[in-house]
């Protein structure tokens, strides 16, 4: 039974931030219709990471700093990193 707890701790501490970072990269590197779909996926991931960060902060979980850093990277990355659409000269 304790293996399930280790698996969820691994999922919570490493896999969710990795998925969040991957959706940010995909949203910034996509073009056209794929970019719109990737931006919707990024928004959904941002909402999930916000809820997970709130949960870890409220429960004083050990990975609260990882979740807070991931959430801030997602927000700043969405605002600072230019997308492929903006860098194309018209």
N, C-alpha and C. Protein backbone atom coordinates (compact mmCIF):
# COMPACT_ATOMS: atom_id res chain seq x y z
N UNK A 1 0.81 -1.20 0.00
CA UNK A 1 0.00 0.00 0.00
C UNK A 1 0.86 1.26 0.00
N UNK A 2 2.03 1.19 0.59
CA UNK A 2 2.87 2.39 0.64
C UNK A 2 3.46 2.72 -0.73
N UNK A 3 3.50 1.74 -1.64
CA UNK A 3 3.98 2.02 -2.99
C UNK A 3 3.08 3.01 -3.71
N UNK A 4 1.80 2.97 -3.43
CA UNK A 4 0.87 3.91 -4.03
C UNK A 4 1.18 5.33 -3.56
N UNK A 5 1.52 5.48 -2.28
CA UNK A 5 1.85 6.79 -1.76
C UNK A 5 3.13 7.33 -2.39
N UNK A 6 4.11 6.46 -2.60
CA UNK A 6 5.35 6.89 -3.26
C UNK A 6 5.09 7.28 -4.71
N UNK A 7 4.22 6.55 -5.36
CA UNK A 7 3.87 6.86 -6.75
C UNK A 7 3.15 8.20 -6.85
N UNK A 8 2.22 8.46 -5.95
CA UNK A 8 1.53 9.74 -5.98
C UNK A 8 2.45 10.89 -5.59
N UNK A 9 3.40 10.66 -4.69
CA UNK A 9 4.37 11.71 -4.34
C UNK A 9 5.27 12.01 -5.53
N UNK A 10 5.66 10.98 -6.28
CA UNK A 10 6.45 11.18 -7.48
C UNK A 10 5.66 11.94 -8.53
N UNK A 11 4.42 11.57 -8.70
CA UNK A 11 3.54 12.25 -9.65
C UNK A 11 3.36 13.71 -9.26
N UNK A 12 3.13 13.95 -7.99
CA UNK A 12 2.89 15.30 -7.49
C UNK A 12 4.15 16.16 -7.55
N UNK A 13 5.30 15.60 -7.25
CA UNK A 13 6.51 16.38 -7.15
C UNK A 13 7.28 16.56 -8.44
N UNK A 14 7.24 15.59 -9.33
CA UNK A 14 8.06 15.66 -10.53
C UNK A 14 7.26 15.68 -11.83
N UNK A 15 6.27 14.83 -11.92
CA UNK A 15 5.58 14.66 -13.19
C UNK A 15 4.68 15.84 -13.54
N UNK A 16 3.94 16.36 -12.58
CA UNK A 16 3.06 17.50 -12.87
C UNK A 16 3.83 18.75 -13.29
N UNK A 17 4.93 19.12 -12.61
CA UNK A 17 5.71 20.25 -13.10
C UNK A 17 6.33 20.00 -14.47
N UNK A 18 6.73 18.77 -14.75
CA UNK A 18 7.29 18.46 -16.07
C UNK A 18 6.23 18.59 -17.16
N UNK A 19 5.03 18.13 -16.88
CA UNK A 19 3.93 18.26 -17.85
C UNK A 19 3.60 19.73 -18.06
N UNK A 20 3.60 20.51 -16.99
CA UNK A 20 3.31 21.94 -17.10
C UNK A 20 4.35 22.65 -17.96
N UNK A 21 5.61 22.34 -17.74
CA UNK A 21 6.67 22.94 -18.55
C UNK A 21 6.58 22.52 -20.01
N UNK A 22 6.23 21.27 -20.24
CA UNK A 22 6.11 20.78 -21.61
C UNK A 22 4.96 21.46 -22.35
N UNK A 23 3.85 21.70 -21.66
CA UNK A 23 2.74 22.39 -22.33
C UNK A 23 3.09 23.84 -22.64
N UNK A 24 3.90 24.47 -21.79
CA UNK A 24 4.36 25.84 -22.08
C UNK A 24 5.23 25.85 -23.32
N UNK A 25 6.16 24.91 -23.42
CA UNK A 25 7.05 24.84 -24.58
C UNK A 25 6.25 24.56 -25.85
N UNK A 26 5.34 23.62 -25.79
CA UNK A 26 4.54 23.28 -26.97
C UNK A 26 3.67 24.46 -27.39
N UNK A 27 3.10 25.17 -26.42
CA UNK A 27 2.25 26.32 -26.75
C UNK A 27 3.05 27.43 -27.41
N UNK A 28 4.30 27.58 -27.03
CA UNK A 28 5.12 28.65 -27.60
C UNK A 28 5.74 28.26 -28.94
N UNK A 29 5.92 26.99 -29.21
CA UNK A 29 6.55 26.55 -30.45
C UNK A 29 5.57 26.19 -31.55
N UNK A 30 4.29 26.08 -31.24
CA UNK A 30 3.30 25.67 -32.23
C UNK A 30 2.89 26.84 -33.11
N UNK A 31 2.38 26.49 -34.29
CA UNK A 31 1.89 27.50 -35.24
C UNK A 31 0.52 27.11 -35.76
N UNK A 32 -0.23 28.12 -36.19
CA UNK A 32 -1.51 27.88 -36.84
C UNK A 32 -2.56 27.30 -35.92
N UNK A 33 -3.30 26.33 -36.47
CA UNK A 33 -4.37 25.69 -35.71
C UNK A 33 -3.82 24.90 -34.53
N UNK A 34 -2.65 24.32 -34.69
CA UNK A 34 -2.03 23.58 -33.59
C UNK A 34 -1.69 24.52 -32.43
N UNK A 35 -1.37 25.77 -32.73
CA UNK A 35 -1.05 26.74 -31.68
C UNK A 35 -2.28 27.05 -30.85
N UNK A 36 -3.43 27.17 -31.49
CA UNK A 36 -4.66 27.44 -30.75
C UNK A 36 -5.02 26.27 -29.83
N UNK A 37 -4.86 25.07 -30.33
CA UNK A 37 -5.13 23.89 -29.51
C UNK A 37 -4.13 23.80 -28.36
N UNK A 38 -2.85 24.08 -28.64
CA UNK A 38 -1.83 24.04 -27.61
C UNK A 38 -2.06 25.12 -26.55
N UNK A 39 -2.56 26.28 -26.95
CA UNK A 39 -2.85 27.33 -25.99
C UNK A 39 -4.02 26.96 -25.09
N UNK A 40 -5.01 26.27 -25.64
CA UNK A 40 -6.12 25.78 -24.81
C UNK A 40 -5.63 24.74 -23.82
N UNK A 41 -4.75 23.84 -24.27
CA UNK A 41 -4.18 22.84 -23.37
C UNK A 41 -3.33 23.51 -22.29
N UNK A 42 -2.58 24.55 -22.68
CA UNK A 42 -1.78 25.27 -21.70
C UNK A 42 -2.66 25.93 -20.66
N UNK A 43 -3.76 26.54 -21.08
CA UNK A 43 -4.68 27.17 -20.14
C UNK A 43 -5.27 26.14 -19.18
N UNK A 44 -5.64 24.99 -19.70
CA UNK A 44 -6.17 23.93 -18.83
C UNK A 44 -5.11 23.45 -17.84
N UNK A 45 -3.88 23.31 -18.31
CA UNK A 45 -2.79 22.89 -17.43
C UNK A 45 -2.51 23.96 -16.39
N UNK A 46 -2.60 25.23 -16.78
CA UNK A 46 -2.40 26.32 -15.84
C UNK A 46 -3.44 26.30 -14.73
N UNK A 47 -4.68 26.02 -15.08
CA UNK A 47 -5.74 25.92 -14.07
C UNK A 47 -5.48 24.75 -13.13
N UNK A 48 -5.09 23.61 -13.68
CA UNK A 48 -4.80 22.43 -12.84
C UNK A 48 -3.61 22.71 -11.92
N UNK A 49 -2.56 23.33 -12.44
CA UNK A 49 -1.39 23.62 -11.61
C UNK A 49 -1.72 24.65 -10.54
N UNK A 50 -2.61 25.59 -10.84
CA UNK A 50 -3.03 26.56 -9.83
C UNK A 50 -3.76 25.86 -8.70
N UNK A 51 -4.65 24.95 -9.04
CA UNK A 51 -5.38 24.20 -8.01
C UNK A 51 -4.44 23.31 -7.20
N UNK A 52 -3.51 22.65 -7.87
CA UNK A 52 -2.55 21.80 -7.16
C UNK A 52 -1.64 22.63 -6.26
N UNK A 53 -1.25 23.82 -6.71
CA UNK A 53 -0.41 24.68 -5.89
C UNK A 53 -1.18 25.15 -4.66
N UNK A 54 -2.42 25.53 -4.85
CA UNK A 54 -3.24 25.93 -3.70
C UNK A 54 -3.39 24.79 -2.70
N UNK A 55 -3.60 23.58 -3.21
CA UNK A 55 -3.75 22.43 -2.33
C UNK A 55 -2.47 22.15 -1.55
N UNK A 56 -1.32 22.22 -2.22
CA UNK A 56 -0.07 21.93 -1.53
C UNK A 56 0.29 23.02 -0.52
N UNK A 57 -0.05 24.26 -0.82
CA UNK A 57 0.22 25.34 0.14
C UNK A 57 -0.71 25.24 1.34
N UNK A 58 -1.97 24.96 1.10
CA UNK A 58 -2.93 24.87 2.20
C UNK A 58 -2.60 23.70 3.12
N UNK A 59 -2.23 22.56 2.55
CA UNK A 59 -1.93 21.38 3.38
C UNK A 59 -0.49 21.34 3.86
N UNK A 60 0.30 22.36 3.55
CA UNK A 60 1.72 22.41 3.94
C UNK A 60 2.48 21.17 3.47
N UNK A 61 2.22 20.78 2.25
CA UNK A 61 2.90 19.63 1.66
C UNK A 61 4.36 19.98 1.39
N UNK A 62 5.20 18.98 1.26
CA UNK A 62 6.63 19.21 1.09
C UNK A 62 7.00 19.81 -0.26
N UNK A 63 6.16 19.67 -1.25
CA UNK A 63 6.50 20.14 -2.59
C UNK A 63 5.85 21.48 -2.91
N UNK A 64 5.47 22.26 -1.91
CA UNK A 64 4.80 23.53 -2.17
C UNK A 64 5.71 24.48 -2.93
N UNK A 65 7.00 24.45 -2.65
CA UNK A 65 7.92 25.36 -3.33
C UNK A 65 8.07 24.99 -4.80
N UNK A 66 8.10 23.70 -5.09
CA UNK A 66 8.20 23.24 -6.49
C UNK A 66 6.97 23.67 -7.26
N UNK A 67 5.80 23.51 -6.67
CA UNK A 67 4.56 23.90 -7.34
C UNK A 67 4.47 25.41 -7.53
N UNK A 68 4.88 26.16 -6.53
CA UNK A 68 4.85 27.62 -6.64
C UNK A 68 5.81 28.10 -7.71
N UNK A 69 7.00 27.52 -7.76
CA UNK A 69 7.98 27.89 -8.78
C UNK A 69 7.48 27.52 -10.18
N UNK A 70 6.88 26.35 -10.31
CA UNK A 70 6.35 25.92 -11.60
C UNK A 70 5.23 26.85 -12.06
N UNK A 71 4.34 27.21 -11.16
CA UNK A 71 3.26 28.11 -11.51
C UNK A 71 3.79 29.48 -11.92
N UNK A 72 4.79 29.98 -11.22
CA UNK A 72 5.34 31.29 -11.59
C UNK A 72 6.08 31.22 -12.92
N UNK A 73 6.77 30.14 -13.19
CA UNK A 73 7.43 29.98 -14.49
C UNK A 73 6.41 29.91 -15.61
N UNK A 74 5.29 29.24 -15.37
CA UNK A 74 4.26 29.17 -16.40
C UNK A 74 3.66 30.54 -16.69
N UNK A 75 3.41 31.31 -15.65
CA UNK A 75 2.81 32.63 -15.85
C UNK A 75 3.79 33.58 -16.52
N UNK A 76 5.02 33.63 -16.01
CA UNK A 76 6.01 34.53 -16.60
C UNK A 76 6.38 34.08 -18.00
N UNK A 77 6.50 32.78 -18.21
CA UNK A 77 6.83 32.26 -19.54
C UNK A 77 5.75 32.56 -20.56
N UNK A 78 4.50 32.53 -20.14
CA UNK A 78 3.42 32.85 -21.06
C UNK A 78 3.44 34.32 -21.46
N UNK A 79 3.92 35.17 -20.58
CA UNK A 79 3.94 36.60 -20.87
C UNK A 79 5.22 37.07 -21.53
N UNK A 80 6.35 36.49 -21.19
CA UNK A 80 7.65 37.00 -21.63
C UNK A 80 8.15 36.35 -22.91
N UNK A 81 8.02 35.03 -23.00
CA UNK A 81 8.55 34.31 -24.15
C UNK A 81 7.66 34.57 -25.36
N UNK A 82 8.24 35.08 -26.46
CA UNK A 82 7.41 35.33 -27.64
C UNK A 82 6.97 34.03 -28.31
N UNK A 83 5.78 34.03 -28.84
CA UNK A 83 5.29 32.85 -29.54
C UNK A 83 5.78 32.87 -30.98
N UNK A 84 5.60 31.78 -31.69
CA UNK A 84 6.05 31.68 -33.07
C UNK A 84 5.26 32.61 -33.98
N UNK A 85 3.99 32.86 -33.66
CA UNK A 85 3.15 33.74 -34.46
C UNK A 85 3.67 35.18 -34.40
N UNK A 86 4.16 35.62 -33.23
CA UNK A 86 4.62 36.99 -33.07
C UNK A 86 5.97 37.21 -33.73
N UNK A 87 6.77 36.18 -33.87
CA UNK A 87 8.12 36.35 -34.42
C UNK A 87 8.17 36.26 -35.94
N UNK A 88 7.07 35.91 -36.58
CA UNK A 88 7.02 35.80 -38.04
C UNK A 88 6.80 37.20 -38.62
N UNK A 89 7.69 37.59 -39.52
CA UNK A 89 7.55 38.90 -40.15
C UNK A 89 6.50 38.85 -41.25
N UNK A 90 5.65 39.83 -41.28
CA UNK A 90 4.56 39.87 -42.27
C UNK A 90 4.90 40.88 -43.34
